[in-house]
Amino acid sequence: MNYIDGFVVPVPRDKLDDYLELAQKAGKIWKEYGALEYVESLADDVPEGEHTSFSLSVKLQPGEIVVFSWIVYAGKEDRDRILAQVMADPRLQHDPESVPFDGKRMFWGGFREAVRR
């Protein structure tokens, strides 16, 4: 079964074009190293929760949008190899201050696929 990295990040709406440009670049690099799929999606029908919600999870601020994303790999070994290559790739090296999102409020994790229909 596949292995999936998922992440959720708040992005300022006035930096959304910059974020999507970075995502296009990152997606090409991930796929170049062997990722099967790279998806970035923008919150559209995301209800506010009282106890839990996407916006609560990233402490969404006015003027921001939640981005929900995932990367699919053939397996965990592929993910570990690909992730190491991507993180070392000079095309994605940047000054942390220039990143178009708040990485401190981003969360992510790796998941074993359980059901695919």
C-alpha atoms as a PDB file:
ATOM      1  CA  MET A   1       0.000   0.000   0.000  1.00  0.00           C
ATOM      2  CA  ASN A   2       1.013   3.613  -0.534  1.00  0.00           C
ATOM      3  CA  TYR A   3       2.414   5.963   2.085  1.00  0.00           C
ATOM      4  CA  ILE A   4       1.105   9.526   2.418  1.00  0.00           C
ATOM      5  CA  ASP A   5       2.535  12.683   3.929  1.00  0.00           C
ATOM      6  CA  GLY A   6      -0.226  15.107   4.861  1.00  0.00           C
ATOM      7  CA  PHE A   7       0.079  18.683   6.028  1.00  0.00           C
ATOM      8  CA  VAL A   8      -2.065  21.673   6.902  1.00  0.00           C
ATOM      9  CA  VAL A   9      -0.764  25.241   6.857  1.00  0.00           C
ATOM     10  CA  PRO A  10      -2.210  28.750   7.203  1.00  0.00           C
ATOM     11  CA  VAL A  11      -1.292  31.049   4.314  1.00  0.00           C
ATOM     12  CA  PRO A  12      -1.850  34.815   4.237  1.00  0.00           C
ATOM     13  CA  ARG A  13      -4.203  35.570   1.341  1.00  0.00           C
ATOM     14  CA  ASP A  14      -1.909  38.360   0.166  1.00  0.00           C
ATOM     15  CA  LYS A  15       0.911  35.784  -0.146  1.00  0.00           C
ATOM     16  CA  LEU A  16      -1.206  33.048  -1.724  1.00  0.00           C
ATOM     17  CA  ASP A  17       0.221  33.571  -5.233  1.00  0.00           C
ATOM     18  CA  ASP A  18       3.753  33.269  -3.809  1.00  0.00           C
ATOM     19  CA  TYR A  19       2.756  30.144  -1.902  1.00  0.00           C
ATOM     20  CA  LEU A  20       1.219  28.522  -4.992  1.00  0.00           C
ATOM     21  CA  GLU A  21       4.298  29.391  -7.044  1.00  0.00           C
ATOM     22  CA  LEU A  22       6.449  27.675  -4.411  1.00  0.00           C
ATOM     23  CA  ALA A  23       4.047  24.714  -4.371  1.00  0.00           C
ATOM     24  CA  GLN A  24       4.285  24.334  -8.170  1.00  0.00           C
ATOM     25  CA  LYS A  25       8.069  24.275  -7.905  1.00  0.00           C
ATOM     26  CA  ALA A  26       8.059  21.891  -4.934  1.00  0.00           C
ATOM     27  CA  GLY A  27       5.573  19.545  -6.584  1.00  0.00           C
ATOM     28  CA  LYS A  28       7.765  19.203  -9.671  1.00  0.00           C
ATOM     29  CA  ILE A  29      10.772  18.418  -7.502  1.00  0.00           C
ATOM     30  CA  TRP A  30       8.897  15.858  -5.370  1.00  0.00           C
ATOM     31  CA  LYS A  31       7.645  14.119  -8.518  1.00  0.00           C
ATOM     32  CA  GLU A  32      11.114  14.279 -10.092  1.00  0.00           C
ATOM     33  CA  TYR A  33      12.425  12.262  -7.142  1.00  0.00           C
ATOM     34  CA  GLY A  34       9.615   9.711  -7.387  1.00  0.00           C
ATOM     35  CA  ALA A  35       6.520  10.898  -5.519  1.00  0.00           C
ATOM     36  CA  LEU A  36       3.395   9.499  -7.163  1.00  0.00           C
ATOM     37  CA  GLU A  37       1.142  12.458  -6.425  1.00  0.00           C
ATOM     38  CA  TYR A  38       1.513  15.984  -5.023  1.00  0.00           C
ATOM     39  CA  VAL A  39      -1.674  17.885  -4.146  1.00  0.00           C
ATOM     40  CA  GLU A  40      -2.240  21.343  -2.647  1.00  0.00           C
ATOM     41  CA  SER A  41      -5.847  22.330  -1.913  1.00  0.00           C
ATOM     42  CA  LEU A  42      -7.425  25.541  -0.642  1.00  0.00           C
ATOM     43  CA  ALA A  43     -10.127  25.697   2.033  1.00  0.00           C
ATOM     44  CA  ASP A  44     -13.529  26.253   0.456  1.00  0.00           C
ATOM     45  CA  ASP A  45     -16.252  24.602   2.536  1.00  0.00           C
ATOM     46  CA  VAL A  46     -14.523  24.384   5.919  1.00  0.00           C
ATOM     47  CA  PRO A  47     -16.847  24.938   8.881  1.00  0.00           C
ATOM     48  CA  GLU A  48     -15.667  26.642  12.049  1.00  0.00           C
ATOM     49  CA  GLY A  49     -15.577  24.234  14.936  1.00  0.00           C
ATOM     50  CA  GLU A  50     -16.121  24.904  18.590  1.00  0.00           C
ATOM     51  CA  HIS A  51     -13.605  22.308  19.763  1.00  0.00           C
ATOM     52  CA  THR A  52     -11.778  21.228  16.600  1.00  0.00           C
ATOM     53  CA  SER A  53     -11.552  22.449  13.019  1.00  0.00           C
ATOM     54  CA  PHE A  54      -8.977  23.174  10.375  1.00  0.00           C
ATOM     55  CA  SER A  55      -8.919  26.860  11.278  1.00  0.00           C
ATOM     56  CA  LEU A  56      -8.543  26.143  15.005  1.00  0.00           C
ATOM     57  CA  SER A  57      -5.768  23.643  14.324  1.00  0.00           C
ATOM     58  CA  VAL A  58      -3.557  26.307  12.696  1.00  0.00           C
ATOM     59  CA  LYS A  59      -4.799  29.256  14.772  1.00  0.00           C
ATOM     60  CA  LEU A  60      -6.074  30.888  11.586  1.00  0.00           C
ATOM     61  CA  GLN A  61      -5.823  34.685  11.622  1.00  0.00           C
ATOM     62  CA  PRO A  62      -7.962  37.190   9.697  1.00  0.00           C
ATOM     63  CA  GLY A  63      -6.733  37.445   6.102  1.00  0.00           C
ATOM     64  CA  GLU A  64      -5.441  33.843   5.994  1.00  0.00           C
ATOM     65  CA  ILE A  65      -6.624  30.669   4.263  1.00  0.00           C
ATOM     66  CA  VAL A  66      -6.080  27.047   5.252  1.00  0.00           C
ATOM     67  CA  VAL A  67      -4.156  24.886   2.783  1.00  0.00           C
ATOM     68  CA  PHE A  68      -4.564  21.100   3.061  1.00  0.00           C
ATOM     69  CA  SER A  69      -2.013  19.086   1.131  1.00  0.00           C
ATOM     70  CA  TRP A  70      -0.707  15.582   0.626  1.00  0.00           C
ATOM     71  CA  ILE A  71       2.043  13.722  -1.156  1.00  0.00           C
ATOM     72  CA  VAL A  72       1.662  10.066  -2.141  1.00  0.00           C
ATOM     73  CA  TYR A  73       4.569   7.605  -2.304  1.00  0.00           C
ATOM     74  CA  ALA A  74       4.788   3.933  -3.255  1.00  0.00           C
ATOM     75  CA  GLY A  75       5.772   3.091   0.344  1.00  0.00           C
ATOM     76  CA  LYS A  76       7.479   4.411   3.461  1.00  0.00           C
ATOM     77  CA  GLU A  77      10.973   3.505   2.243  1.00  0.00           C
ATOM     78  CA  ASP A  78      10.349   5.541  -0.925  1.00  0.00           C
ATOM     79  CA  ARG A  79       8.990   8.402   1.193  1.00  0.00           C
ATOM     80  CA  ASP A  80      12.046   8.431   3.441  1.00  0.00           C
ATOM     81  CA  ARG A  81      14.413   8.416   0.443  1.00  0.00           C
ATOM     82  CA  ILE A  82      12.460  11.029  -1.534  1.00  0.00           C
ATOM     83  CA  LEU A  83      11.981  13.325   1.454  1.00  0.00           C
ATOM     84  CA  ALA A  84      15.725  13.272   2.196  1.00  0.00           C
ATOM     85  CA  GLN A  85      16.482  14.139  -1.450  1.00  0.00           C
ATOM     86  CA  VAL A  86      13.919  16.954  -1.533  1.00  0.00           C
ATOM     87  CA  MET A  87      15.128  18.479   1.738  1.00  0.00           C
ATOM     88  CA  ALA A  88      18.710  18.484   0.415  1.00  0.00           C
ATOM     89  CA  ASP A  89      17.784  19.897  -3.011  1.00  0.00           C
ATOM     90  CA  PRO A  90      19.290  23.383  -3.437  1.00  0.00           C
ATOM     91  CA  ARG A  91      16.283  24.482  -5.516  1.00  0.00           C
ATOM     92  CA  LEU A  92      14.196  24.499  -2.345  1.00  0.00           C
ATOM     93  CA  GLN A  93      16.743  26.127  -0.050  1.00  0.00           C
ATOM     94  CA  HIS A  94      15.536  29.531   1.095  1.00  0.00           C
ATOM     95  CA  ASP A  95      15.727  32.062   3.864  1.00  0.00           C
ATOM     96  CA  PRO A  96      13.089  31.076   6.456  1.00  0.00           C
ATOM     97  CA  GLU A  97      11.952  34.709   6.615  1.00  0.00           C
ATOM     98  CA  SER A  98      11.007  34.637   2.915  1.00  0.00           C
ATOM     99  CA  VAL A  99       8.651  31.636   3.158  1.00  0.00           C
ATOM    100  CA  PRO A 100       5.070  32.741   2.320  1.00  0.00           C
ATOM    101  CA  PHE A 101       3.464  31.000   5.335  1.00  0.00           C
ATOM    102  CA  ASP A 102       3.918  30.600   9.079  1.00  0.00           C
ATOM    103  CA  GLY A 103       5.720  27.290   9.514  1.00  0.00           C
ATOM    104  CA  LYS A 104       5.242  27.428  13.288  1.00  0.00           C
ATOM    105  CA  ARG A 105       1.499  26.873  12.803  1.00  0.00           C
ATOM    106  CA  MET A 106       1.896  24.167  10.155  1.00  0.00           C
ATOM    107  CA  PHE A 107       1.344  20.552  11.126  1.00  0.00           C
ATOM    108  CA  TRP A 108       2.151  17.387   9.218  1.00  0.00           C
ATOM    109  CA  GLY A 109       2.619  13.665   9.502  1.00  0.00           C
ATOM    110  CA  GLY A 110       3.175  10.427   7.624  1.00  0.00           C
ATOM    111  CA  PHE A 111       0.355   7.922   7.190  1.00  0.00           C
ATOM    112  CA  ARG A 112       0.119   4.299   6.097  1.00  0.00           C
ATOM    113  CA  GLU A 113      -2.664   3.869   3.578  1.00  0.00           C
ATOM    114  CA  ALA A 114      -5.460   1.714   5.003  1.00  0.00           C
ATOM    115  CA  VAL A 115      -8.307   1.832   2.444  1.00  0.00           C
ATOM    116  CA  ARG A 116      -8.297   2.856  -1.225  1.00  0.00           C
ATOM    117  CA  ARG A 117     -11.400   2.520  -3.378  1.00  0.00           C
END
